[in-house]
Amino acid sequence: MPAVDHLVCFALYAANRTTTQAYRVLLEPWNLTYPQYIALVTLWNDGEQTVGSLGEALQLDSGTLSPMLARMENAGYLTRSRRLDDERVVEVALTPRGLALRAELAHVPRCIAAGSGLTDADSARELIDALHQLTEAMKDLRDHPAEARDADAARNPA
């Protein structure tokens, strides 16, 4: 077994890549990317919102999000419009075509769930919770690297 197979980071990387590849295959008939799909899912579930709130929900910066939304708008899935009271704020809303995609893509979550091997909701919830905990821990490490080094040094003196 290669050494990288013993690293949590590599296991996450490999799982992410293969999951994204599975989404690519499932979404290809609609010419959608995975980030476009999760934008649609967010708009289906949370409704119209600003580009800023959508970017925050998807953890995408405006340099990535704006061109993606432009492509989706050109495809007829959504509209972007500036607020009348504050033209700096752009709102994103689904078109009837974007709303219709929800039914057309309803099979995607089921296919991903079946492919994951997580056959029951409890197993899926446990994995999601563990991944959320990991994400928060890594954000804390990213935001406070000196404290992590100090804590490691205290646990493992040279």
C-alpha atoms as a PDB file:
ATOM      1  CA  MET A   1       0.000   0.000   0.000  1.00  0.00           C
ATOM      2  CA  PRO A   2       1.493   3.406  -0.937  1.00  0.00           C
ATOM      3  CA  ALA A   3       2.468   5.629   1.981  1.00  0.00           C
ATOM      4  CA  VAL A   4      -0.071   8.288   0.979  1.00  0.00           C
ATOM      5  CA  ASP A   5      -2.884   5.802   1.591  1.00  0.00           C
ATOM      6  CA  HIS A   6      -2.195   6.219   5.315  1.00  0.00           C
ATOM      7  CA  LEU A   7      -2.775   9.985   5.246  1.00  0.00           C
ATOM      8  CA  VAL A   8      -6.180  11.460   6.114  1.00  0.00           C
ATOM      9  CA  CYS A   9      -5.544  14.310   3.683  1.00  0.00           C
ATOM     10  CA  PHE A  10      -4.986  11.906   0.792  1.00  0.00           C
ATOM     11  CA  ALA A  11      -8.066   9.852   1.642  1.00  0.00           C
ATOM     12  CA  LEU A  12     -10.140  13.072   1.596  1.00  0.00           C
ATOM     13  CA  TYR A  13      -8.501  14.185  -1.644  1.00  0.00           C
ATOM     14  CA  ALA A  14      -9.144  10.849  -3.368  1.00  0.00           C
ATOM     15  CA  ALA A  15     -12.745  10.689  -2.129  1.00  0.00           C
ATOM     16  CA  ASN A  16     -13.363  14.253  -3.277  1.00  0.00           C
ATOM     17  CA  ARG A  17     -11.900  13.614  -6.740  1.00  0.00           C
ATOM     18  CA  THR A  18     -13.835  10.419  -7.359  1.00  0.00           C
ATOM     19  CA  THR A  19     -17.071  11.932  -6.035  1.00  0.00           C
ATOM     20  CA  THR A  20     -16.651  14.980  -8.269  1.00  0.00           C
ATOM     21  CA  GLN A  21     -15.946  12.671 -11.225  1.00  0.00           C
ATOM     22  CA  ALA A  22     -19.168  10.768 -10.474  1.00  0.00           C
ATOM     23  CA  TYR A  23     -21.101  14.050 -10.440  1.00  0.00           C
ATOM     24  CA  ARG A  24     -19.438  15.033 -13.730  1.00  0.00           C
ATOM     25  CA  VAL A  25     -20.752  11.868 -15.394  1.00  0.00           C
ATOM     26  CA  LEU A  26     -24.245  12.297 -13.953  1.00  0.00           C
ATOM     27  CA  LEU A  27     -24.484  16.010 -14.839  1.00  0.00           C
ATOM     28  CA  GLU A  28     -22.890  15.825 -18.297  1.00  0.00           C
ATOM     29  CA  PRO A  29     -26.188  15.392 -20.203  1.00  0.00           C
ATOM     30  CA  TRP A  30     -27.248  18.817 -18.872  1.00  0.00           C
ATOM     31  CA  ASN A  31     -23.820  20.366 -19.504  1.00  0.00           C
ATOM     32  CA  LEU A  32     -23.578  21.249 -15.800  1.00  0.00           C
ATOM     33  CA  THR A  33     -20.523  21.242 -13.570  1.00  0.00           C
ATOM     34  CA  TYR A  34     -20.574  20.182  -9.937  1.00  0.00           C
ATOM     35  CA  PRO A  35     -20.264  23.805  -8.684  1.00  0.00           C
ATOM     36  CA  GLN A  36     -23.168  24.801 -10.940  1.00  0.00           C
ATOM     37  CA  TYR A  37     -25.202  21.908  -9.556  1.00  0.00           C
ATOM     38  CA  ILE A  38     -24.603  22.906  -5.931  1.00  0.00           C
ATOM     39  CA  ALA A  39     -25.555  26.487  -6.828  1.00  0.00           C
ATOM     40  CA  LEU A  40     -28.825  25.145  -8.239  1.00  0.00           C
ATOM     41  CA  VAL A  41     -29.418  22.997  -5.145  1.00  0.00           C
ATOM     42  CA  THR A  42     -28.876  26.032  -2.924  1.00  0.00           C
ATOM     43  CA  LEU A  43     -31.271  28.168  -4.966  1.00  0.00           C
ATOM     44  CA  TRP A  44     -33.877  25.374  -5.096  1.00  0.00           C
ATOM     45  CA  ASN A  45     -33.795  24.995  -1.326  1.00  0.00           C
ATOM     46  CA  ASP A  46     -33.097  28.523  -0.104  1.00  0.00           C
ATOM     47  CA  GLY A  47     -34.648  30.586  -2.895  1.00  0.00           C
ATOM     48  CA  GLU A  48     -33.535  33.849  -4.435  1.00  0.00           C
ATOM     49  CA  GLN A  49     -30.510  35.415  -2.791  1.00  0.00           C
ATOM     50  CA  THR A  50     -27.610  37.753  -3.297  1.00  0.00           C
ATOM     51  CA  VAL A  51     -24.425  36.738  -5.049  1.00  0.00           C
ATOM     52  CA  GLY A  52     -22.641  37.361  -1.733  1.00  0.00           C
ATOM     53  CA  SER A  53     -24.852  35.017   0.270  1.00  0.00           C
ATOM     54  CA  LEU A  54     -24.651  32.363  -2.441  1.00  0.00           C
ATOM     55  CA  GLY A  55     -20.861  32.628  -2.494  1.00  0.00           C
ATOM     56  CA  GLU A  56     -20.771  32.279   1.276  1.00  0.00           C
ATOM     57  CA  ALA A  57     -23.043  29.234   1.201  1.00  0.00           C
ATOM     58  CA  LEU A  58     -20.952  27.567  -1.516  1.00  0.00           C
ATOM     59  CA  GLN A  59     -17.609  28.747  -0.105  1.00  0.00           C
ATOM     60  CA  LEU A  60     -16.721  30.310  -3.468  1.00  0.00           C
ATOM     61  CA  ASP A  61     -15.114  33.695  -3.991  1.00  0.00           C
ATOM     62  CA  SER A  62     -16.625  36.213  -6.404  1.00  0.00           C
ATOM     63  CA  GLY A  63     -13.849  35.625  -8.955  1.00  0.00           C
ATOM     64  CA  THR A  64     -15.032  32.021  -9.290  1.00  0.00           C
ATOM     65  CA  LEU A  65     -18.740  32.559  -8.685  1.00  0.00           C
ATOM     66  CA  SER A  66     -19.455  35.460 -11.061  1.00  0.00           C
ATOM     67  CA  PRO A  67     -18.260  33.751 -14.274  1.00  0.00           C
ATOM     68  CA  MET A  68     -20.049  30.561 -13.255  1.00  0.00           C
ATOM     69  CA  LEU A  69     -23.311  32.456 -12.706  1.00  0.00           C
ATOM     70  CA  ALA A  70     -22.844  34.231 -16.045  1.00  0.00           C
ATOM     71  CA  ARG A  71     -22.617  30.855 -17.817  1.00  0.00           C
ATOM     72  CA  MET A  72     -25.715  29.641 -15.968  1.00  0.00           C
ATOM     73  CA  GLU A  73     -27.565  32.822 -16.903  1.00  0.00           C
ATOM     74  CA  ASN A  74     -26.550  32.382 -20.566  1.00  0.00           C
ATOM     75  CA  ALA A  75     -27.881  28.809 -20.398  1.00  0.00           C
ATOM     76  CA  GLY A  76     -31.228  30.167 -19.191  1.00  0.00           C
ATOM     77  CA  TYR A  77     -31.143  28.667 -15.685  1.00  0.00           C
ATOM     78  CA  LEU A  78     -31.076  31.858 -13.644  1.00  0.00           C
ATOM     79  CA  THR A  79     -31.176  35.626 -13.742  1.00  0.00           C
ATOM     80  CA  ARG A  80     -28.969  38.177 -12.057  1.00  0.00           C
ATOM     81  CA  SER A  81     -30.274  41.638 -11.298  1.00  0.00           C
ATOM     82  CA  ARG A  82     -29.061  44.611  -9.324  1.00  0.00           C
ATOM     83  CA  ARG A  83     -31.144  45.764  -6.385  1.00  0.00           C
ATOM     84  CA  LEU A  84     -32.927  49.008  -7.043  1.00  0.00           C
ATOM     85  CA  ASP A  85     -32.132  50.365  -3.575  1.00  0.00           C
ATOM     86  CA  ASP A  86     -28.436  49.391  -3.761  1.00  0.00           C
ATOM     87  CA  GLU A  87     -26.969  48.669  -7.187  1.00  0.00           C
ATOM     88  CA  ARG A  88     -23.855  47.152  -5.629  1.00  0.00           C
ATOM     89  CA  VAL A  89     -25.946  44.140  -4.579  1.00  0.00           C
ATOM     90  CA  VAL A  90     -26.746  41.538  -7.235  1.00  0.00           C
ATOM     91  CA  GLU A  91     -29.598  39.121  -6.661  1.00  0.00           C
ATOM     92  CA  VAL A  92     -29.768  35.654  -8.208  1.00  0.00           C
ATOM     93  CA  ALA A  93     -33.082  33.963  -9.009  1.00  0.00           C
ATOM     94  CA  LEU A  94     -33.981  30.797 -10.870  1.00  0.00           C
ATOM     95  CA  THR A  95     -35.841  30.956 -14.161  1.00  0.00           C
ATOM     96  CA  PRO A  96     -38.654  28.515 -14.931  1.00  0.00           C
ATOM     97  CA  ARG A  97     -36.025  26.406 -16.761  1.00  0.00           C
ATOM     98  CA  GLY A  98     -33.790  26.447 -13.671  1.00  0.00           C
ATOM     99  CA  LEU A  99     -36.717  25.392 -11.507  1.00  0.00           C
ATOM    100  CA  ALA A 100     -37.605  22.571 -13.941  1.00  0.00           C
ATOM    101  CA  LEU A 101     -34.089  21.161 -13.599  1.00  0.00           C
ATOM    102  CA  ARG A 102     -34.932  20.148 -10.036  1.00  0.00           C
ATOM    103  CA  ALA A 103     -37.199  17.360 -11.268  1.00  0.00           C
ATOM    104  CA  GLU A 104     -34.842  16.414 -14.099  1.00  0.00           C
ATOM    105  CA  LEU A 105     -31.903  16.059 -11.693  1.00  0.00           C
ATOM    106  CA  ALA A 106     -33.805  14.400  -8.829  1.00  0.00           C
ATOM    107  CA  HIS A 107     -31.990  11.124  -9.539  1.00  0.00           C
ATOM    108  CA  VAL A 108     -28.534  12.630  -8.871  1.00  0.00           C
ATOM    109  CA  PRO A 109     -28.579  12.562  -5.032  1.00  0.00           C
ATOM    110  CA  ARG A 110     -29.969   9.016  -5.087  1.00  0.00           C
ATOM    111  CA  CYS A 111     -27.236   7.861  -7.471  1.00  0.00           C
ATOM    112  CA  ILE A 112     -24.522   9.474  -5.351  1.00  0.00           C
ATOM    113  CA  ALA A 113     -25.979   7.954  -2.167  1.00  0.00           C
ATOM    114  CA  ALA A 114     -26.146   4.512  -3.755  1.00  0.00           C
ATOM    115  CA  GLY A 115     -22.621   4.836  -5.111  1.00  0.00           C
ATOM    116  CA  SER A 116     -21.280   5.940  -1.737  1.00  0.00           C
ATOM    117  CA  GLY A 117     -22.217   2.679  -0.076  1.00  0.00           C
ATOM    118  CA  LEU A 118     -23.964   4.601   2.696  1.00  0.00           C
ATOM    119  CA  THR A 119     -27.197   2.697   2.585  1.00  0.00           C
ATOM    120  CA  ASP A 120     -29.024   4.379   5.447  1.00  0.00           C
ATOM    121  CA  ALA A 121     -29.657   7.960   6.521  1.00  0.00           C
ATOM    122  CA  ASP A 122     -27.904   7.494   9.880  1.00  0.00           C
ATOM    123  CA  SER A 123     -24.612   6.459   8.251  1.00  0.00           C
ATOM    124  CA  ALA A 124     -24.792   9.379   5.853  1.00  0.00           C
ATOM    125  CA  ARG A 125     -25.563  11.801   8.699  1.00  0.00           C
ATOM    126  CA  GLU A 126     -22.607  10.479  10.738  1.00  0.00           C
ATOM    127  CA  LEU A 127     -20.237  10.990   7.799  1.00  0.00           C
ATOM    128  CA  ILE A 128     -21.595  14.478   7.108  1.00  0.00           C
ATOM    129  CA  ASP A 129     -21.251  15.421  10.794  1.00  0.00           C
ATOM    130  CA  ALA A 130     -17.677  14.098  10.910  1.00  0.00           C
ATOM    131  CA  LEU A 131     -16.769  16.034   7.758  1.00  0.00           C
ATOM    132  CA  HIS A 132     -18.311  19.229   9.179  1.00  0.00           C
ATOM    133  CA  GLN A 133     -16.269  18.767  12.367  1.00  0.00           C
ATOM    134  CA  LEU A 134     -13.130  18.254  10.302  1.00  0.00           C
ATOM    135  CA  THR A 135     -13.874  21.356   8.237  1.00  0.00           C
ATOM    136  CA  GLU A 136     -14.289  23.502  11.340  1.00  0.00           C
ATOM    137  CA  ALA A 137     -11.115  22.089  12.892  1.00  0.00           C
ATOM    138  CA  MET A 138      -9.135  22.802   9.718  1.00  0.00           C
ATOM    139  CA  LYS A 139     -10.532  26.354   9.558  1.00  0.00           C
ATOM    140  CA  ASP A 140      -9.343  26.828  13.131  1.00  0.00           C
ATOM    141  CA  LEU A 141      -5.898  25.468  12.222  1.00  0.00           C
ATOM    142  CA  ARG A 142      -5.778  27.695   9.129  1.00  0.00           C
ATOM    143  CA  ASP A 143      -6.739  30.766  11.152  1.00  0.00           C
ATOM    144  CA  HIS A 144      -4.496  30.019  14.169  1.00  0.00           C
ATOM    145  CA  PRO A 145      -1.427  28.064  12.964  1.00  0.00           C
ATOM    146  CA  ALA A 146       0.894  29.354  15.717  1.00  0.00           C
ATOM    147  CA  GLU A 147      -1.417  28.061  18.442  1.00  0.00           C
ATOM    148  CA  ALA A 148      -1.512  24.627  16.779  1.00  0.00           C
ATOM    149  CA  ARG A 149       2.305  24.528  16.618  1.00  0.00           C
ATOM    150  CA  ASP A 150       2.541  25.572  20.275  1.00  0.00           C
ATOM    151  CA  ALA A 151       0.023  22.909  21.339  1.00  0.00           C
ATOM    152  CA  ASP A 152       1.916  20.271  19.327  1.00  0.00           C
ATOM    153  CA  ALA A 153       5.237  21.344  20.868  1.00  0.00           C
ATOM    154  CA  ALA A 154       3.726  21.072  24.354  1.00  0.00           C
ATOM    155  CA  ARG A 155       2.445  17.549  23.626  1.00  0.00           C
ATOM    156  CA  ASN A 156       5.644  16.407  21.900  1.00  0.00           C
ATOM    157  CA  PRO A 157       8.686  18.071  23.481  1.00  0.00           C
ATOM    158  CA  ALA A 158      11.908  17.553  21.528  1.00  0.00           C
END
